[in-house]
């Protein structure tokens, strides 16, 4: 496994990976939980949001970074983070690992890479969020194994 910065030629693959990894959350977890009306309002174009959002996640001049894990010539995962040097903190905004690369240490390696880069940029604290639903249980396990401390947050949705 080789971890490197995302390049322009990686963007399409990273978007496809995000759609593959997070699609089951949007369609199989969030949609059934909130119902069709709220889903249509909040999340109906989720795959397009990834296509628009991911190219903007890597802007080093704005302290935004994306790294990919290259495994046997293919991208097996990615991590995105931002850092606020003046506040000495950062945030990991995305972690995604392909189904074929899960449970092989890719997620751990990507997070550790981001932690090291954040520390090098002057961050002393990093935040990383995830959902409390069943879909996100592996992410919660990963972050706990990395020494992260959870703080519960609950978001409620209601149709008006």
Protein backbone atom coordinates (compact mmCIF):
# COMPACT_ATOMS: atom_id res chain seq x y z
CA UNK A 1 0.00 0.00 0.00
CA UNK A 2 1.22 3.44 -0.95
CA UNK A 3 -0.46 6.56 0.47
CA UNK A 4 -0.13 9.69 -1.62
CA UNK A 5 -1.89 12.97 -2.32
CA UNK A 6 -4.91 12.80 -4.59
CA UNK A 7 -4.16 13.97 -8.13
CA UNK A 8 -6.50 15.41 -10.74
CA UNK A 9 -6.53 12.03 -12.51
CA UNK A 10 -7.80 10.36 -9.30
CA UNK A 11 -10.91 12.51 -8.85
CA UNK A 12 -13.31 10.35 -10.90
CA UNK A 13 -12.15 7.18 -9.13
CA UNK A 14 -12.42 8.81 -5.70
CA UNK A 15 -15.96 10.04 -6.48
CA UNK A 16 -16.94 6.53 -7.62
CA UNK A 17 -15.43 5.08 -4.45
CA UNK A 18 -17.36 7.54 -2.27
CA UNK A 19 -20.62 6.68 -4.05
CA UNK A 20 -19.95 2.94 -3.65
CA UNK A 21 -18.95 3.21 0.01
CA UNK A 22 -21.58 5.69 1.20
CA UNK A 23 -24.48 4.71 -1.09
CA UNK A 24 -25.69 2.00 1.30
CA UNK A 25 -25.87 4.62 4.08
CA UNK A 26 -27.90 7.10 2.04
CA UNK A 27 -30.24 4.54 0.49
CA UNK A 28 -30.32 1.77 3.09
CA UNK A 29 -29.97 3.62 6.38
CA UNK A 30 -30.85 7.31 6.10
CA UNK A 31 -33.71 7.02 3.58
CA UNK A 32 -35.67 4.37 5.53
CA UNK A 33 -35.04 6.19 8.82
CA UNK A 34 -36.35 9.60 7.75
CA UNK A 35 -38.91 8.65 5.09
CA UNK A 36 -39.35 9.75 1.50
CA UNK A 37 -40.36 13.37 2.07
CA UNK A 38 -37.43 14.25 4.30
CA UNK A 39 -35.05 12.21 2.13
CA UNK A 40 -36.23 14.09 -0.98
CA UNK A 41 -35.61 17.40 0.79
CA UNK A 42 -32.31 16.59 2.51
CA UNK A 43 -30.51 13.93 0.53
CA UNK A 44 -32.10 13.11 -2.84
CA UNK A 45 -29.06 14.15 -4.88
CA UNK A 46 -26.43 12.69 -2.57
CA UNK A 47 -24.34 11.15 -5.38
CA UNK A 48 -24.18 14.49 -7.22
CA UNK A 49 -23.00 16.16 -4.03
CA UNK A 50 -20.01 13.81 -3.94
CA UNK A 51 -19.23 14.63 -7.58
CA UNK A 52 -19.30 18.35 -6.76
CA UNK A 53 -17.70 18.18 -3.32
CA UNK A 54 -14.76 15.81 -3.75
CA UNK A 55 -12.78 17.87 -6.29
CA UNK A 56 -12.92 20.79 -3.82
CA UNK A 57 -11.68 18.72 -0.86
CA UNK A 58 -8.07 18.88 -2.09
CA UNK A 59 -6.95 22.50 -2.02
CA UNK A 60 -3.63 22.64 -0.15
CA UNK A 61 -3.50 26.44 -0.42
CA UNK A 62 -6.70 26.44 1.69
CA UNK A 63 -5.33 23.81 4.12
CA UNK A 64 -7.58 21.10 2.63
CA UNK A 65 -6.07 17.75 1.70
CA UNK A 66 -7.02 14.36 0.29
CA UNK A 67 -4.77 11.32 0.31
CA UNK A 68 -5.46 8.04 -1.42
CA UNK A 69 -4.30 4.53 -0.59
CA UNK A 70 -2.99 2.91 -3.73
CA UNK A 71 -2.99 -0.88 -3.60
CA UNK A 72 -1.70 -2.93 -6.53
CA UNK A 73 -2.26 0.01 -8.87
CA UNK A 74 -5.80 0.80 -7.78
CA UNK A 75 -7.24 3.18 -5.23
CA UNK A 76 -8.48 1.22 -2.22
CA UNK A 77 -9.48 4.17 -0.05
CA UNK A 78 -9.13 7.85 0.67
CA UNK A 79 -9.05 10.29 3.57
CA UNK A 80 -9.78 14.02 3.51
CA UNK A 81 -8.88 16.56 6.16
CA UNK A 82 -8.65 20.26 6.86
CA UNK A 83 -6.38 22.09 9.24
CA UNK A 84 -6.70 25.49 10.90
CA UNK A 85 -3.10 26.29 11.85
CA UNK A 86 -3.98 29.41 13.87
CA UNK A 87 -6.40 27.41 16.04
CA UNK A 88 -4.01 24.43 16.16
CA UNK A 89 -6.77 22.00 15.21
CA UNK A 90 -8.00 20.00 12.29
CA UNK A 91 -10.81 17.78 11.13
CA UNK A 92 -10.90 14.55 9.19
CA UNK A 93 -13.94 15.05 6.99
CA UNK A 94 -14.05 11.80 5.00
CA UNK A 95 -12.69 8.28 5.31
CA UNK A 96 -13.72 5.69 2.75
CA UNK A 97 -12.32 2.23 2.08
CA UNK A 98 -13.43 0.02 -0.80
CA UNK A 99 -15.20 -3.22 0.04
CA UNK A 100 -12.22 -5.21 -1.31
CA UNK A 101 -9.79 -3.37 1.00
CA UNK A 102 -11.74 -3.42 4.26
CA UNK A 103 -10.33 -5.16 7.34
CA UNK A 104 -6.82 -4.97 5.90
CA UNK A 105 -5.57 -1.89 7.78
CA UNK A 106 -6.26 0.61 5.02
CA UNK A 107 -8.58 2.76 7.15
CA UNK A 108 -6.08 2.79 10.01
CA UNK A 109 -3.21 3.70 7.68
CA UNK A 110 -5.20 6.50 6.06
CA UNK A 111 -6.22 7.99 9.42
CA UNK A 112 -2.68 7.72 10.79
CA UNK A 113 -1.39 9.42 7.65
CA UNK A 114 -3.87 12.28 8.11
CA UNK A 115 -2.98 12.55 11.82
CA UNK A 116 0.71 12.85 10.97
CA UNK A 117 0.04 15.49 8.32
CA UNK A 118 -2.20 17.44 10.68
CA UNK A 119 0.45 17.35 13.41
CA UNK A 120 3.10 18.48 10.95
CA UNK A 121 0.84 21.41 10.00
CA UNK A 122 0.63 22.48 13.65
CA UNK A 123 -2.62 20.87 14.76
CA UNK A 124 -2.74 19.66 18.34
CA UNK A 125 -6.30 18.30 18.24
CA UNK A 126 -8.26 16.59 15.49
CA UNK A 127 -11.97 15.87 15.27
CA UNK A 128 -13.55 13.10 13.24
CA UNK A 129 -17.27 12.47 13.12
CA UNK A 130 -19.46 9.59 12.12
CA UNK A 131 -23.02 8.38 12.49
CA UNK A 132 -24.54 6.46 15.36
CA UNK A 133 -26.47 4.08 13.07
CA UNK A 134 -25.53 0.48 12.29
CA UNK A 135 -23.94 1.46 8.96
CA UNK A 136 -21.32 3.55 10.77
CA UNK A 137 -20.45 0.96 13.46
CA UNK A 138 -17.19 -0.06 11.70
CA UNK A 139 -16.13 3.60 11.56
CA UNK A 140 -16.85 4.03 15.28
CA UNK A 141 -14.77 0.91 16.00
CA UNK A 142 -11.91 2.24 13.87
CA UNK A 143 -11.87 5.66 15.53
CA UNK A 144 -12.00 4.12 19.01
CA UNK A 145 -9.08 1.83 18.09
CA UNK A 146 -7.12 4.95 17.08
CA UNK A 147 -7.59 6.47 20.53
CA UNK A 148 -10.33 8.93 19.60
CA UNK A 149 -12.81 9.91 22.31
CA UNK A 150 -16.48 9.88 21.28
CA UNK A 151 -18.91 12.61 22.18
CA UNK A 152 -22.53 11.80 21.30
CA UNK A 153 -24.46 14.21 19.09
CA UNK A 154 -28.01 13.61 17.94
CA UNK A 155 -29.69 15.20 14.91
CA UNK A 156 -33.47 15.10 14.71
CA UNK A 157 -35.48 15.45 11.51
CA UNK A 158 -39.14 16.45 11.32
CA UNK A 159 -41.38 17.11 8.36
CA UNK A 160 -43.18 20.46 8.70
